[in-house]
Each structure stands twice: as C-alpha cells, then as structure tokens.
Amino acid sequence: MSEFFTSDVRDLLRCQRSMTEQKRIMIAGTVETETKTFDGVVQAIFEDRGSKPRRWRITMLDIE
C-alpha cells in the first residue's frame, strides 16, 4: 500500500476513475518533497483540507 499527494486535477480525475473501475494506473505523486512513480489501483482519495495549493492524498494498492 502506498500513499502520496497530487495537486493536479487531471491526475485526481484519473485516480477517481481507477478507484471506481478498479483499474490499474501508473501515476506520479509527491511523498514529502520527492516526486515518485506509483503503479496500482487507487483505494481511497482524501482532500488535504487547508493546504495551499489544494492537494489530495491518494492511497493505492501496489501491483507487483
């Protein structure tokens, strides 16, 4: 299981589609200050309220 952040609305929409359809995606996200690539199926999306710029925390089931 991986967690990362995104502030890109297009990436958010891809994550929502992955979660709804339970389909695998590959996407870049931020962990602390580092950008990494993640591969799997999105399990949950939470808005990080109060963050500037606006961002979302993504929880993804990793595919190995």
Protein backbone atom coordinates (compact mmCIF):
# COMPACT_ATOMS: atom_id res chain seq x y z
CA MET A 1 0.00 0.00 0.00
CA SER A 2 1.36 3.43 -0.95
CA GLU A 3 0.26 6.94 -0.06
CA PHE A 4 1.17 10.07 -1.98
CA PHE A 5 -0.15 13.53 -2.79
CA THR A 6 -1.27 15.17 -6.02
CA SER A 7 -2.38 18.73 -6.70
CA ASP A 8 -3.13 18.16 -10.39
CA VAL A 9 -6.88 17.99 -11.09
CA ARG A 10 -6.31 15.79 -14.18
CA ASP A 11 -4.40 13.28 -12.04
CA LEU A 12 -7.18 13.43 -9.46
CA LEU A 13 -9.71 12.51 -12.16
CA ARG A 14 -7.52 9.57 -13.27
CA CYS A 15 -7.33 8.39 -9.65
CA GLN A 16 -11.11 8.66 -9.23
CA ARG A 17 -11.59 6.58 -12.39
CA SER A 18 -9.10 3.97 -11.16
CA MET A 19 -10.93 3.71 -7.83
CA THR A 20 -14.39 3.48 -9.42
CA GLU A 21 -13.44 0.97 -12.11
CA GLN A 22 -10.79 -0.84 -10.01
CA LYS A 23 -8.32 -0.44 -12.89
CA ARG A 24 -4.57 -0.19 -12.65
CA ILE A 25 -2.83 3.12 -13.42
CA MET A 26 0.72 4.44 -13.36
CA ILE A 27 0.98 7.95 -11.95
CA ALA A 28 3.49 10.39 -10.47
CA GLY A 29 2.89 11.66 -6.96
CA THR A 30 4.69 13.52 -4.17
CA VAL A 31 5.95 11.97 -0.95
CA GLU A 32 7.36 14.64 1.36
CA THR A 33 9.37 16.71 -1.17
CA GLU A 34 10.21 13.93 -3.62
CA THR A 35 8.23 13.00 -6.75
CA LYS A 36 7.91 9.26 -7.38
CA THR A 37 6.04 6.99 -9.81
CA PHE A 38 3.32 4.70 -8.47
CA ASP A 39 1.67 1.70 -10.16
CA GLY A 40 -1.53 0.14 -8.87
CA VAL A 41 -5.23 0.55 -8.16
CA VAL A 42 -6.46 3.54 -6.16
CA GLN A 43 -8.24 2.56 -2.94
CA ALA A 44 -9.02 5.96 -1.37
CA ILE A 45 -8.82 9.70 -2.02
CA PHE A 46 -8.86 12.34 0.72
CA GLU A 47 -8.71 16.10 0.30
CA ASP A 48 -5.89 17.64 2.34
CA ARG A 49 -8.02 20.49 3.69
CA GLY A 50 -6.24 23.74 4.37
CA SER A 51 -3.26 23.02 2.14
CA LYS A 52 -2.11 25.67 -0.29
CA PRO A 53 -2.10 24.84 -3.13
CA ARG A 54 -5.03 22.47 -2.94
CA ARG A 55 -4.00 18.79 -2.91
CA TRP A 56 -5.33 15.28 -2.37
CA ARG A 57 -3.87 12.27 -0.54
CA ILE A 58 -4.10 9.10 -2.62
CA THR A 59 -3.97 5.60 -1.16
CA MET A 60 -3.03 2.98 -3.75
CA LEU A 61 -2.82 -0.81 -3.65
CA ASP A 62 0.54 -1.53 -5.27
CA ILE A 63 0.80 -4.00 -8.15
CA GLU A 64 3.91 -6.17 -8.06
